[in-house]
PDB file of N, CA and C in Angstrom:
ATOM      1  N   MET A   1     -25.209  63.267  26.805  1.00  0.00           N
ATOM      2  CA  MET A   1     -26.496  62.777  25.969  1.00  0.00           C
ATOM      3  C   MET A   1     -26.289  61.754  26.220  1.00  0.00           C
ATOM      4  N   ALA A   2     -25.052  60.842  26.619  1.00  0.00           N
ATOM      5  CA  ALA A   2     -25.387  59.490  26.600  1.00  0.00           C
ATOM      6  C   ALA A   2     -26.083  58.556  27.263  1.00  0.00           C
ATOM      7  N   PRO A   3     -26.953  58.969  28.579  1.00  0.00           N
ATOM      8  CA  PRO A   3     -27.821  58.517  29.122  1.00  0.00           C
ATOM      9  C   PRO A   3     -29.098  58.252  28.242  1.00  0.00           C
ATOM     10  N   THR A   4     -29.158  59.165  27.769  1.00  0.00           N
ATOM     11  CA  THR A   4     -31.009  59.613  27.212  1.00  0.00           C
ATOM     12  C   THR A   4     -30.883  58.421  25.615  1.00  0.00           C
ATOM     13  N   GLY A   5     -29.591  58.229  25.141  1.00  0.00           N
ATOM     14  CA  GLY A   5     -29.473  57.306  24.172  1.00  0.00           C
ATOM     15  C   GLY A   5     -29.996  58.029  22.693  1.00  0.00           C
ATOM     16  N   ILE A   6     -29.750  59.204  22.761  1.00  0.00           N
ATOM     17  CA  ILE A   6     -29.435  60.327  21.645  1.00  0.00           C
ATOM     18  C   ILE A   6     -28.017  61.225  21.136  1.00  0.00           C
ATOM     19  N   THR A   7     -27.548  61.096  20.307  1.00  0.00           N
ATOM     20  CA  THR A   7     -26.941  61.872  20.191  1.00  0.00           C
ATOM     21  C   THR A   7     -26.837  63.804  20.235  1.00  0.00           C
ATOM     22  N   SER A   8     -25.864  64.309  20.366  1.00  0.00           N
ATOM     23  CA  SER A   8     -26.337  65.697  20.390  1.00  0.00           C
ATOM     24  C   SER A   8     -27.104  65.997  18.754  1.00  0.00           C
ATOM     25  N   THR A   9     -26.483  65.770  17.696  1.00  0.00           N
ATOM     26  CA  THR A   9     -26.750  65.720  16.954  1.00  0.00           C
ATOM     27  C   THR A   9     -28.132  65.608  16.187  1.00  0.00           C
ATOM     28  N   GLN A  10     -28.345  64.006  16.584  1.00  0.00           N
ATOM     29  CA  GLN A  10     -30.039  63.819  17.285  1.00  0.00           C
ATOM     30  C   GLN A  10     -30.694  65.313  18.389  1.00  0.00           C
ATOM     31  N   PHE A  11     -30.331  65.557  19.050  1.00  0.00           N
ATOM     32  CA  PHE A  11     -31.134  66.306  20.060  1.00  0.00           C
ATOM     33  C   PHE A  11     -31.258  67.793  19.403  1.00  0.00           C
ATOM     34  N   SER A  12     -30.502  68.383  18.150  1.00  0.00           N
ATOM     35  CA  SER A  12     -30.493  69.481  17.108  1.00  0.00           C
ATOM     36  C   SER A  12     -31.114  68.989  16.354  1.00  0.00           C
ATOM     37  N   LEU A  13     -32.057  67.475  15.716  1.00  0.00           N
ATOM     38  CA  LEU A  13     -32.891  67.274  14.901  1.00  0.00           C
ATOM     39  C   LEU A  13     -34.124  67.247  15.343  1.00  0.00           C
ATOM     40  N   LEU A  14     -33.943  66.716  16.708  1.00  0.00           N
ATOM     41  CA  LEU A  14     -35.456  66.873  17.506  1.00  0.00           C
ATOM     42  C   LEU A  14     -36.152  68.505  17.665  1.00  0.00           C
ATOM     43  N   HIS A  15     -34.916  68.934  18.503  1.00  0.00           N
ATOM     44  CA  HIS A  15     -35.743  70.729  18.845  1.00  0.00           C
ATOM     45  C   HIS A  15     -35.852  71.522  17.826  1.00  0.00           C
ATOM     46  N   PHE A  16     -35.042  71.238  16.743  1.00  0.00           N
ATOM     47  CA  PHE A  16     -35.075  71.813  15.505  1.00  0.00           C
ATOM     48  C   PHE A  16     -37.165  71.613  14.613  1.00  0.00           C
ATOM     49  N   LEU A  17     -37.053  70.272  14.588  1.00  0.00           N
ATOM     50  CA  LEU A  17     -38.172  69.966  14.139  1.00  0.00           C
ATOM     51  C   LEU A  17     -39.548  70.456  14.926  1.00  0.00           C
ATOM     52  N   ASP A  18     -39.025  70.681  16.993  1.00  0.00           N
ATOM     53  CA  ASP A  18     -40.035  70.838  17.546  1.00  0.00           C
ATOM     54  C   ASP A  18     -40.360  72.463  17.116  1.00  0.00           C
ATOM     55  N   ARG A  19     -39.804  73.022  16.507  1.00  0.00           N
ATOM     56  CA  ARG A  19     -39.478  74.342  16.084  1.00  0.00           C
ATOM     57  C   ARG A  19     -40.249  74.396  14.935  1.00  0.00           C
ATOM     58  N   ASN A  20     -40.158  73.490  14.244  1.00  0.00           N
ATOM     59  CA  ASN A  20     -40.535  73.852  12.704  1.00  0.00           C
ATOM     60  C   ASN A  20     -41.647  73.110  11.987  1.00  0.00           C
ATOM     61  N   ALA A  21     -42.649  71.990  13.002  1.00  0.00           N
ATOM     62  CA  ALA A  21     -43.188  71.410  12.396  1.00  0.00           C
ATOM     63  C   ALA A  21     -42.748  70.506  11.564  1.00  0.00           C
ATOM     64  N   ARG A  22     -43.530  70.091  10.385  1.00  0.00           N
ATOM     65  CA  ARG A  22     -43.470  69.036   9.553  1.00  0.00           C
ATOM     66  C   ARG A  22     -42.070  69.667   8.154  1.00  0.00           C
ATOM     67  N   MET A  23     -41.525  68.987   8.194  1.00  0.00           N
ATOM     68  CA  MET A  23     -40.731  69.431   7.271  1.00  0.00           C
ATOM     69  C   MET A  23     -39.894  67.967   6.139  1.00  0.00           C
ATOM     70  N   THR A  24     -39.816  68.223   4.569  1.00  0.00           N
ATOM     71  CA  THR A  24     -39.026  67.438   3.905  1.00  0.00           C
ATOM     72  C   THR A  24     -37.714  66.833   4.639  1.00  0.00           C
ATOM     73  N   MET A  25     -37.461  66.262   3.822  1.00  0.00           N
ATOM     74  CA  MET A  25     -35.770  65.665   4.181  1.00  0.00           C
ATOM     75  C   MET A  25     -34.885  66.128   3.700  1.00  0.00           C
ATOM     76  N   ASN A  26     -35.015  66.759   2.251  1.00  0.00           N
ATOM     77  CA  ASN A  26     -34.052  67.599   1.765  1.00  0.00           C
ATOM     78  C   ASN A  26     -34.291  69.297   2.348  1.00  0.00           C
ATOM     79  N   GLU A  27     -35.973  69.664   2.724  1.00  0.00           N
ATOM     80  CA  GLU A  27     -35.583  70.914   3.466  1.00  0.00           C
ATOM     81  C   GLU A  27     -34.961  70.828   5.118  1.00  0.00           C
ATOM     82  N   LEU A  28     -34.924  69.481   5.997  1.00  0.00           N
ATOM     83  CA  LEU A  28     -34.486  69.812   6.519  1.00  0.00           C
ATOM     84  C   LEU A  28     -32.929  69.464   6.908  1.00  0.00           C
ATOM     85  N   ALA A  29     -32.151  68.832   5.839  1.00  0.00           N
ATOM     86  CA  ALA A  29     -31.103  69.124   5.060  1.00  0.00           C
ATOM     87  C   ALA A  29     -30.474  70.453   4.957  1.00  0.00           C
ATOM     88  N   ALA A  30     -30.999  70.641   4.437  1.00  0.00           N
ATOM     89  CA  ALA A  30     -30.555  72.306   4.059  1.00  0.00           C
ATOM     90  C   ALA A  30     -30.833  73.047   5.267  1.00  0.00           C
ATOM     91  N   ALA A  31     -31.270  73.251   5.978  1.00  0.00           N
ATOM     92  CA  ALA A  31     -31.601  73.494   7.093  1.00  0.00           C
ATOM     93  C   ALA A  31     -30.618  73.672   8.252  1.00  0.00           C
ATOM     94  N   MET A  32     -30.049  72.438   8.296  1.00  0.00           N
ATOM     95  CA  MET A  32     -29.472  71.465   9.546  1.00  0.00           C
ATOM     96  C   MET A  32     -27.856  71.763   8.975  1.00  0.00           C
ATOM     97  N   LEU A  33     -27.683  72.333   7.312  1.00  0.00           N
ATOM     98  CA  LEU A  33     -26.496  72.068   7.019  1.00  0.00           C
ATOM     99  C   LEU A  33     -25.846  70.782   6.609  1.00  0.00           C
ATOM    100  N   MET A  34     -26.731  69.765   6.430  1.00  0.00           N
ATOM    101  CA  MET A  34     -26.072  68.148   6.498  1.00  0.00           C
ATOM    102  C   MET A  34     -25.933  68.020   4.842  1.00  0.00           C
ATOM    103  N   ASP A  35     -25.403  66.854   4.789  1.00  0.00           N
ATOM    104  CA  ASP A  35     -26.289  66.197   3.396  1.00  0.00           C
ATOM    105  C   ASP A  35     -26.741  65.346   3.397  1.00  0.00           C
ATOM    106  N   ARG A  36     -28.040  64.412   2.455  1.00  0.00           N
ATOM    107  CA  ARG A  36     -29.029  63.803   2.697  1.00  0.00           C
ATOM    108  C   ARG A  36     -28.285  62.180   3.629  1.00  0.00           C
ATOM    109  N   THR A  37     -27.416  61.952   3.199  1.00  0.00           N
ATOM    110  CA  THR A  37     -26.560  60.498   4.154  1.00  0.00           C
ATOM    111  C   THR A  37     -26.775  60.619   4.698  1.00  0.00           C
ATOM    112  N   THR A  38     -25.628  61.876   5.174  1.00  0.00           N
ATOM    113  CA  THR A  38     -25.461  61.810   6.858  1.00  0.00           C
ATOM    114  C   THR A  38     -26.948  62.117   7.860  1.00  0.00           C
ATOM    115  N   LEU A  39     -27.756  62.843   7.241  1.00  0.00           N
ATOM    116  CA  LEU A  39     -29.029  63.344   7.439  1.00  0.00           C
ATOM    117  C   LEU A  39     -29.808  61.910   7.996  1.00  0.00           C
ATOM    118  N   LEU A  40     -29.990  61.148   6.758  1.00  0.00           N
ATOM    119  CA  LEU A  40     -30.798  60.086   6.704  1.00  0.00           C
ATOM    120  C   LEU A  40     -29.755  59.034   8.080  1.00  0.00           C
ATOM    121  N   ARG A  41     -28.970  58.908   8.435  1.00  0.00           N
ATOM    122  CA  ARG A  41     -27.871  58.377   9.012  1.00  0.00           C
ATOM    123  C   ARG A  41     -28.374  58.622  10.802  1.00  0.00           C
ATOM    124  N   ALA A  42     -28.847  59.968  10.585  1.00  0.00           N
ATOM    125  CA  ALA A  42     -29.135  60.421  12.103  1.00  0.00           C
ATOM    126  C   ALA A  42     -30.051  60.501  12.252  1.00  0.00           C
ATOM    127  N   VAL A  43     -31.366  60.522  11.431  1.00  0.00           N
ATOM    128  CA  VAL A  43     -33.277  60.128  11.668  1.00  0.00           C
ATOM    129  C   VAL A  43     -33.550  58.719  11.578  1.00  0.00           C
ATOM    130  N   LYS A  44     -33.170  58.317  11.268  1.00  0.00           N
ATOM    131  CA  LYS A  44     -33.295  56.412  10.565  1.00  0.00           C
ATOM    132  C   LYS A  44     -33.663  56.328  11.942  1.00  0.00           C
ATOM    133  N   PRO A  45     -32.515  56.030  13.030  1.00  0.00           N
ATOM    134  CA  PRO A  45     -32.840  55.586  14.652  1.00  0.00           C
ATOM    135  C   PRO A  45     -33.639  56.080  15.111  1.00  0.00           C
ATOM    136  N   LEU A  46     -33.882  57.383  15.318  1.00  0.00           N
ATOM    137  CA  LEU A  46     -35.087  58.505  15.959  1.00  0.00           C
ATOM    138  C   LEU A  46     -36.176  58.019  15.398  1.00  0.00           C
ATOM    139  N   GLN A  47     -36.263  57.943  14.191  1.00  0.00           N
ATOM    140  CA  GLN A  47     -38.008  57.273  13.577  1.00  0.00           C
ATOM    141  C   GLN A  47     -37.790  55.261  14.101  1.00  0.00           C
ATOM    142  N   GLN A  48     -37.147  54.774  14.277  1.00  0.00           N
ATOM    143  CA  GLN A  48     -37.120  53.620  15.024  1.00  0.00           C
ATOM    144  C   GLN A  48     -37.778  53.582  16.037  1.00  0.00           C
ATOM    145  N   GLN A  49     -36.868  54.294  17.235  1.00  0.00           N
ATOM    146  CA  GLN A  49     -37.023  54.863  18.140  1.00  0.00           C
ATOM    147  C   GLN A  49     -38.809  55.338  18.793  1.00  0.00           C
ATOM    148  N   GLY A  50     -39.501  55.709  17.238  1.00  0.00           N
ATOM    149  CA  GLY A  50     -40.305  56.444  17.176  1.00  0.00           C
ATOM    150  C   GLY A  50     -40.772  58.000  18.269  1.00  0.00           C
ATOM    151  N   LEU A  51     -39.315  58.372  17.781  1.00  0.00           N
ATOM    152  CA  LEU A  51     -38.791  59.729  18.351  1.00  0.00           C
ATOM    153  C   LEU A  51     -39.382  60.923  17.202  1.00  0.00           C
ATOM    154  N   ILE A  52     -39.454  60.309  15.974  1.00  0.00           N
ATOM    155  CA  ILE A  52     -39.369  61.378  14.226  1.00  0.00           C
ATOM    156  C   ILE A  52     -40.530  60.365  13.570  1.00  0.00           C
ATOM    157  N   ILE A  53     -41.757  61.175  12.816  1.00  0.00           N
ATOM    158  CA  ILE A  53     -42.399  60.126  12.327  1.00  0.00           C
ATOM    159  C   ILE A  53     -43.076  61.068  11.120  1.00  0.00           C
ATOM    160  N   SER A  54     -42.964  60.098   9.888  1.00  0.00           N
ATOM    161  CA  SER A  54     -43.087  60.440   8.714  1.00  0.00           C
ATOM    162  C   SER A  54     -43.880  60.398   8.145  1.00  0.00           C
ATOM    163  N   ALA A  55     -44.976  61.270   7.388  1.00  0.00           N
ATOM    164  CA  ALA A  55     -45.735  60.601   6.189  1.00  0.00           C
ATOM    165  C   ALA A  55     -46.266  61.569   4.709  1.00  0.00           C
ATOM    166  N   PRO A  56     -46.911  60.987   4.193  1.00  0.00           N
ATOM    167  CA  PRO A  56     -47.346  61.320   3.283  1.00  0.00           C
ATOM    168  C   PRO A  56     -47.516  62.970   2.847  1.00  0.00           C
ATOM    169  N   GLU A  57     -47.039  64.046   2.359  1.00  0.00           N
ATOM    170  CA  GLU A  57     -47.900  65.270   2.344  1.00  0.00           C
ATOM    171  C   GLU A  57     -48.838  65.821   2.066  1.00  0.00           C
ATOM    172  N   THR A  58     -49.516  64.569   1.369  1.00  0.00           N
ATOM    173  CA  THR A  58     -51.055  64.266   0.912  1.00  0.00           C
ATOM    174  C   THR A  58     -51.186  63.243   0.196  1.00  0.00           C
ATOM    175  N   GLU A  59     -52.385  63.120   0.629  1.00  0.00           N
ATOM    176  CA  GLU A  59     -52.987  61.447   0.565  1.00  0.00           C
ATOM    177  C   GLU A  59     -52.196  61.306  -1.120  1.00  0.00           C
ATOM    178  N   GLU A  60     -52.178  62.021  -2.121  1.00  0.00           N
ATOM    179  CA  GLU A  60     -51.999  61.813  -3.408  1.00  0.00           C
ATOM    180  C   GLU A  60     -50.124  61.944  -3.549  1.00  0.00           C
ATOM    181  N   SER A  61     -49.363  62.562  -2.687  1.00  0.00           N
ATOM    182  CA  SER A  61     -48.159  63.086  -2.231  1.00  0.00           C
ATOM    183  C   SER A  61     -47.073  61.740  -2.291  1.00  0.00           C
ATOM    184  N   ARG A  62     -45.990  61.204  -3.034  1.00  0.00           N
ATOM    185  CA  ARG A  62     -44.984  60.492  -2.521  1.00  0.00           C
ATOM    186  C   ARG A  62     -44.350  60.993  -1.230  1.00  0.00           C
ATOM    187  N   ARG A  63     -44.242  62.668  -1.748  1.00  0.00           N
ATOM    188  CA  ARG A  63     -43.383  63.346  -0.238  1.00  0.00           C
ATOM    189  C   ARG A  63     -43.612  62.935   0.819  1.00  0.00           C
ATOM    190  N   LEU A  64     -42.569  62.497   1.308  1.00  0.00           N
ATOM    191  CA  LEU A  64     -42.557  62.207   3.004  1.00  0.00           C
ATOM    192  C   LEU A  64     -42.214  63.403   3.622  1.00  0.00           C
ATOM    193  N   MET A  65     -43.389  64.070   4.619  1.00  0.00           N
ATOM    194  CA  MET A  65     -42.403  64.898   5.601  1.00  0.00           C
ATOM    195  C   MET A  65     -42.746  64.413   7.013  1.00  0.00           C
ATOM    196  N   LEU A  66     -41.330  64.765   7.454  1.00  0.00           N
ATOM    197  CA  LEU A  66     -40.926  64.656   9.214  1.00  0.00           C
ATOM    198  C   LEU A  66     -41.473  65.438  10.060  1.00  0.00           C
ATOM    199  N   ALA A  67     -42.049  64.580  10.697  1.00  0.00           N
ATOM    200  CA  ALA A  67     -42.623  65.506  12.126  1.00  0.00           C
ATOM    201  C   ALA A  67     -42.179  64.730  13.386  1.00  0.00           C
ATOM    202  N   LEU A  68     -42.073  65.482  14.473  1.00  0.00           N
ATOM    203  CA  LEU A  68     -42.023  65.324  15.892  1.00  0.00           C
ATOM    204  C   LEU A  68     -42.985  64.655  16.275  1.00  0.00           C
ATOM    205  N   SER A  69     -42.740  63.572  16.971  1.00  0.00           N
ATOM    206  CA  SER A  69     -43.811  62.555  17.393  1.00  0.00           C
ATOM    207  C   SER A  69     -43.925  63.029  18.701  1.00  0.00           C
ATOM    208  N   PRO A  70     -44.922  62.245  19.884  1.00  0.00           N
ATOM    209  CA  PRO A  70     -45.348  62.902  21.340  1.00  0.00           C
ATOM    210  C   PRO A  70     -43.948  62.646  21.977  1.00  0.00           C
ATOM    211  N   ALA A  71     -43.259  60.926  21.474  1.00  0.00           N
ATOM    212  CA  ALA A  71     -42.334  60.691  22.312  1.00  0.00           C
ATOM    213  C   ALA A  71     -40.967  61.489  22.176  1.00  0.00           C
ATOM    214  N   GLY A  72     -40.814  62.067  21.166  1.00  0.00           N
ATOM    215  CA  GLY A  72     -39.992  63.287  20.572  1.00  0.00           C
ATOM    216  C   GLY A  72     -40.070  64.042  21.263  1.00  0.00           C
ATOM    217  N   GLN A  73     -40.836  64.948  21.453  1.00  0.00           N
ATOM    218  CA  GLN A  73     -41.337  65.804  22.754  1.00  0.00           C
ATOM    219  C   GLN A  73     -40.777  65.683  24.170  1.00  0.00           C
ATOM    220  N   SER A  74     -41.304  64.174  24.272  1.00  0.00           N
ATOM    221  CA  SER A  74     -40.872  63.615  25.589  1.00  0.00           C
ATOM    222  C   SER A  74     -39.180  63.772  25.639  1.00  0.00           C
ATOM    223  N   LYS A  75     -38.495  63.016  25.096  1.00  0.00           N
ATOM    224  CA  LYS A  75     -37.030  63.067  24.757  1.00  0.00           C
ATOM    225  C   LYS A  75     -36.273  64.672  24.371  1.00  0.00           C
ATOM    226  N   ILE A  76     -37.237  65.402  24.357  1.00  0.00           N
ATOM    227  CA  ILE A  76     -36.327  66.596  24.055  1.00  0.00           C
ATOM    228  C   ILE A  76     -36.463  67.234  26.055  1.00  0.00           C
ATOM    229  N   VAL A  77     -37.293  66.640  26.105  1.00  0.00           N
ATOM    230  CA  VAL A  77     -37.664  67.186  28.165  1.00  0.00           C
ATOM    231  C   VAL A  77     -36.237  66.367  28.833  1.00  0.00           C
ATOM    232  N   GLU A  78     -36.419  64.994  28.236  1.00  0.00           N
ATOM    233  CA  GLU A  78     -35.822  64.429  29.124  1.00  0.00           C
ATOM    234  C   GLU A  78     -33.874  64.475  28.806  1.00  0.00           C
ATOM    235  N   ALA A  79     -33.628  64.713  27.475  1.00  0.00           N
ATOM    236  CA  ALA A  79     -32.200  65.279  26.923  1.00  0.00           C
ATOM    237  C   ALA A  79     -31.625  66.510  27.507  1.00  0.00           C
ATOM    238  N   GLY A  80     -32.796  67.583  27.850  1.00  0.00           N
ATOM    239  CA  GLY A  80     -32.831  69.009  28.072  1.00  0.00           C
ATOM    240  C   GLY A  80     -31.560  69.573  28.752  1.00  0.00           C
ATOM    241  N   PRO A  81     -31.776  68.697  30.176  1.00  0.00           N
ATOM    242  CA  PRO A  81     -30.547  69.256  31.104  1.00  0.00           C
ATOM    243  C   PRO A  81     -28.914  68.640  30.269  1.00  0.00           C
ATOM    244  N   PHE A  82     -29.128  67.550  30.391  1.00  0.00           N
ATOM    245  CA  PHE A  82     -27.351  67.128  29.455  1.00  0.00           C
ATOM    246  C   PHE A  82     -27.171  68.374  28.362  1.00  0.00           C
ATOM    247  N   TRP A  83     -27.885  68.519  27.975  1.00  0.00           N
ATOM    248  CA  TRP A  83     -27.865  69.335  26.862  1.00  0.00           C
ATOM    249  C   TRP A  83     -27.335  70.806  27.462  1.00  0.00           C
ATOM    250  N   ARG A  84     -27.850  71.461  28.151  1.00  0.00           N
ATOM    251  CA  ARG A  84     -27.088  72.458  28.770  1.00  0.00           C
ATOM    252  C   ARG A  84     -26.207  71.953  29.644  1.00  0.00           C
ATOM    253  N   ALA A  85     -26.156  70.692  30.175  1.00  0.00           N
ATOM    254  CA  ALA A  85     -24.423  70.836  31.017  1.00  0.00           C
ATOM    255  C   ALA A  85     -23.549  70.266  29.554  1.00  0.00           C
ATOM    256  N   ALA A  86     -24.140  70.246  28.680  1.00  0.00           N
ATOM    257  CA  ALA A  86     -22.927  70.058  27.671  1.00  0.00           C
ATOM    258  C   ALA A  86     -22.192  71.441  27.169  1.00  0.00           C
ATOM    259  N   GLN A  87     -23.189  72.595  27.123  1.00  0.00           N
ATOM    260  CA  GLN A  87     -23.341  73.848  26.563  1.00  0.00           C
ATOM    261  C   GLN A  87     -22.409  74.058  27.656  1.00  0.00           C
ATOM    262  N   GLU A  88     -22.739  74.160  28.857  1.00  0.00           N
ATOM    263  CA  GLU A  88     -22.136  75.247  29.812  1.00  0.00           C
ATOM    264  C   GLU A  88     -20.708  74.647  29.980  1.00  0.00           C
ATOM    265  N   GLU A  89     -20.310  73.394  29.529  1.00  0.00           N
ATOM    266  CA  GLU A  89     -19.071  72.894  29.708  1.00  0.00           C
ATOM    267  C   GLU A  89     -18.277  73.505  28.747  1.00  0.00           C
ATOM    268  N   TYR A  90     -18.771  72.991  27.296  1.00  0.00           N
ATOM    269  CA  TYR A  90     -18.157  74.456  26.350  1.00  0.00           C
ATOM    270  C   TYR A  90     -17.727  75.268  26.636  1.00  0.00           C
ATOM    271  N   GLU A  91     -18.589  76.185  26.875  1.00  0.00           N
ATOM    272  CA  GLU A  91     -18.383  77.917  27.655  1.00  0.00           C
ATOM    273  C   GLU A  91     -16.979  78.098  29.165  1.00  0.00           C
ATOM    274  N   ALA A  92     -17.508  77.004  29.502  1.00  0.00           N
ATOM    275  CA  ALA A  92     -16.058  76.598  30.470  1.00  0.00           C
ATOM    276  C   ALA A  92     -14.707  76.461  29.828  1.00  0.00           C
ATOM    277  N   GLN A  93     -14.716  75.554  28.292  1.00  0.00           N
ATOM    278  CA  GLN A  93     -13.357  75.150  27.901  1.00  0.00           C
ATOM    279  C   GLN A  93     -13.149  76.662  27.430  1.00  0.00           C
ATOM    280  N   VAL A  94     -14.032  77.030  26.092  1.00  0.00           N
ATOM    281  CA  VAL A  94     -13.594  78.336  25.203  1.00  0.00           C
ATOM    282  C   VAL A  94     -13.960  79.606  25.552  1.00  0.00           C
ATOM    283  N   GLY A  95     -15.018  79.743  26.773  1.00  0.00           N
ATOM    284  CA  GLY A  95     -15.011  81.237  27.086  1.00  0.00           C
ATOM    285  C   GLY A  95     -16.470  81.289  26.692  1.00  0.00           C
ATOM    286  N   GLU A  96     -16.771  82.227  27.942  1.00  0.00           N
ATOM    287  CA  GLU A  96     -18.557  82.191  27.400  1.00  0.00           C
ATOM    288  C   GLU A  96     -18.779  83.603  26.144  1.00  0.00           C
ATOM    289  N   LEU A  97     -17.709  84.337  25.574  1.00  0.00           N
ATOM    290  CA  LEU A  97     -17.799  85.060  24.604  1.00  0.00           C
ATOM    291  C   LEU A  97     -17.411  84.299  23.230  1.00  0.00           C
ATOM    292  N   HIS A  98     -16.700  83.464  23.017  1.00  0.00           N
ATOM    293  CA  HIS A  98     -16.468  82.882  21.962  1.00  0.00           C
ATOM    294  C   HIS A  98     -17.352  81.645  21.972  1.00  0.00           C
ATOM    295  N   ALA A  99     -17.754  80.922  23.047  1.00  0.00           N
ATOM    296  CA  ALA A  99     -19.042  80.426  22.361  1.00  0.00           C
ATOM    297  C   ALA A  99     -20.227  80.999  22.236  1.00  0.00           C
ATOM    298  N   ARG A 100     -20.392  82.174  22.841  1.00  0.00           N
ATOM    299  CA  ARG A 100     -21.706  82.843  22.270  1.00  0.00           C
ATOM    300  C   ARG A 100     -21.555  83.410  20.608  1.00  0.00           C
ATOM    301  N   SER A 101     -20.024  83.756  20.161  1.00  0.00           N
ATOM    302  CA  SER A 101     -19.932  84.471  18.649  1.00  0.00           C
ATOM    303  C   SER A 101     -20.345  83.274  18.099  1.00  0.00           C
ATOM    304  N   LEU A 102     -19.792  81.717  18.501  1.00  0.00           N
ATOM    305  CA  LEU A 102     -19.677  80.615  17.252  1.00  0.00           C
ATOM    306  C   LEU A 102     -21.160  80.764  17.022  1.00  0.00           C
ATOM    307  N   ARG A 103     -22.214  80.571  18.078  1.00  0.00           N
ATOM    308  CA  ARG A 103     -23.611  79.576  17.817  1.00  0.00           C
ATOM    309  C   ARG A 103     -23.900  81.136  16.662  1.00  0.00           C
ATOM    310  N   SER A 104     -23.735  82.107  17.589  1.00  0.00           N
ATOM    311  CA  SER A 104     -24.348  83.354  16.296  1.00  0.00           C
ATOM    312  C   SER A 104     -23.981  83.497  14.905  1.00  0.00           C
ATOM    313  N   ASP A 105     -23.102  83.018  14.765  1.00  0.00           N
ATOM    314  CA  ASP A 105     -22.182  82.664  13.282  1.00  0.00           C
ATOM    315  C   ASP A 105     -23.289  81.199  12.873  1.00  0.00           C
ATOM    316  N   PHE A 106     -23.587  80.206  13.673  1.00  0.00           N
ATOM    317  CA  PHE A 106     -24.458  79.160  13.425  1.00  0.00           C
ATOM    318  C   PHE A 106     -25.484  79.466  12.992  1.00  0.00           C
ATOM    319  N   PHE A 107     -25.991  80.692  13.885  1.00  0.00           N
ATOM    320  CA  PHE A 107     -27.830  81.225  13.611  1.00  0.00           C
ATOM    321  C   PHE A 107     -27.378  81.355  12.313  1.00  0.00           C
ATOM    322  N   ASN A 108     -26.835  82.294  12.094  1.00  0.00           N
ATOM    323  CA  ASN A 108     -26.842  83.130  10.739  1.00  0.00           C
ATOM    324  C   ASN A 108     -27.139  82.095   9.692  1.00  0.00           C
ATOM    325  N   MET A 109     -25.835  81.251  10.039  1.00  0.00           N
ATOM    326  CA  MET A 109     -25.372  80.508   8.352  1.00  0.00           C
ATOM    327  C   MET A 109     -26.738  79.671   8.562  1.00  0.00           C
ATOM    328  N   THR A 110     -27.521  79.447   9.051  1.00  0.00           N
ATOM    329  CA  THR A 110     -28.678  77.972   8.774  1.00  0.00           C
ATOM    330  C   THR A 110     -29.627  78.973   8.822  1.00  0.00           C
ATOM    331  N   HIS A 111     -29.673  80.694   9.066  1.00  0.00           N
ATOM    332  CA  HIS A 111     -31.316  81.381   8.919  1.00  0.00           C
ATOM    333  C   HIS A 111     -30.741  82.371   7.985  1.00  0.00           C
ATOM    334  N   HIS A 112     -29.730  82.403   7.565  1.00  0.00           N
ATOM    335  CA  HIS A 112     -30.042  83.565   6.450  1.00  0.00           C
ATOM    336  C   HIS A 112     -29.020  82.854   5.024  1.00  0.00           C
ATOM    337  N   GLY A 113     -28.481  82.030   5.326  1.00  0.00           N
ATOM    338  CA  GLY A 113     -27.578  81.932   4.286  1.00  0.00           C
ATOM    339  C   GLY A 113     -28.083  80.549   3.397  1.00  0.00           C
TER     340      GLY A 113
END
């Protein structure tokens, strides 16, 4: 992932925002199973690079909503091959069945827990 300028965690955040539109920092932290401080450290550089944008939920609201920018969508496309290569390498090291099981467990934690 290094050639893309983002980490695997940041790629996951971008991908998650791409699939889930606008979210508050608290909603994103809960969905990604991260504490707010860790999430903020990952999000801040993405905002500085213009990959994630934040805007008030409404004109009257102070709640900020995070969303993927067009540049963020382009970064997902750029980083996709590196992500897939990392997944393939991981599967080669731990085995396809074990990797699939871990992905399933993580999916269940983030979507049902």
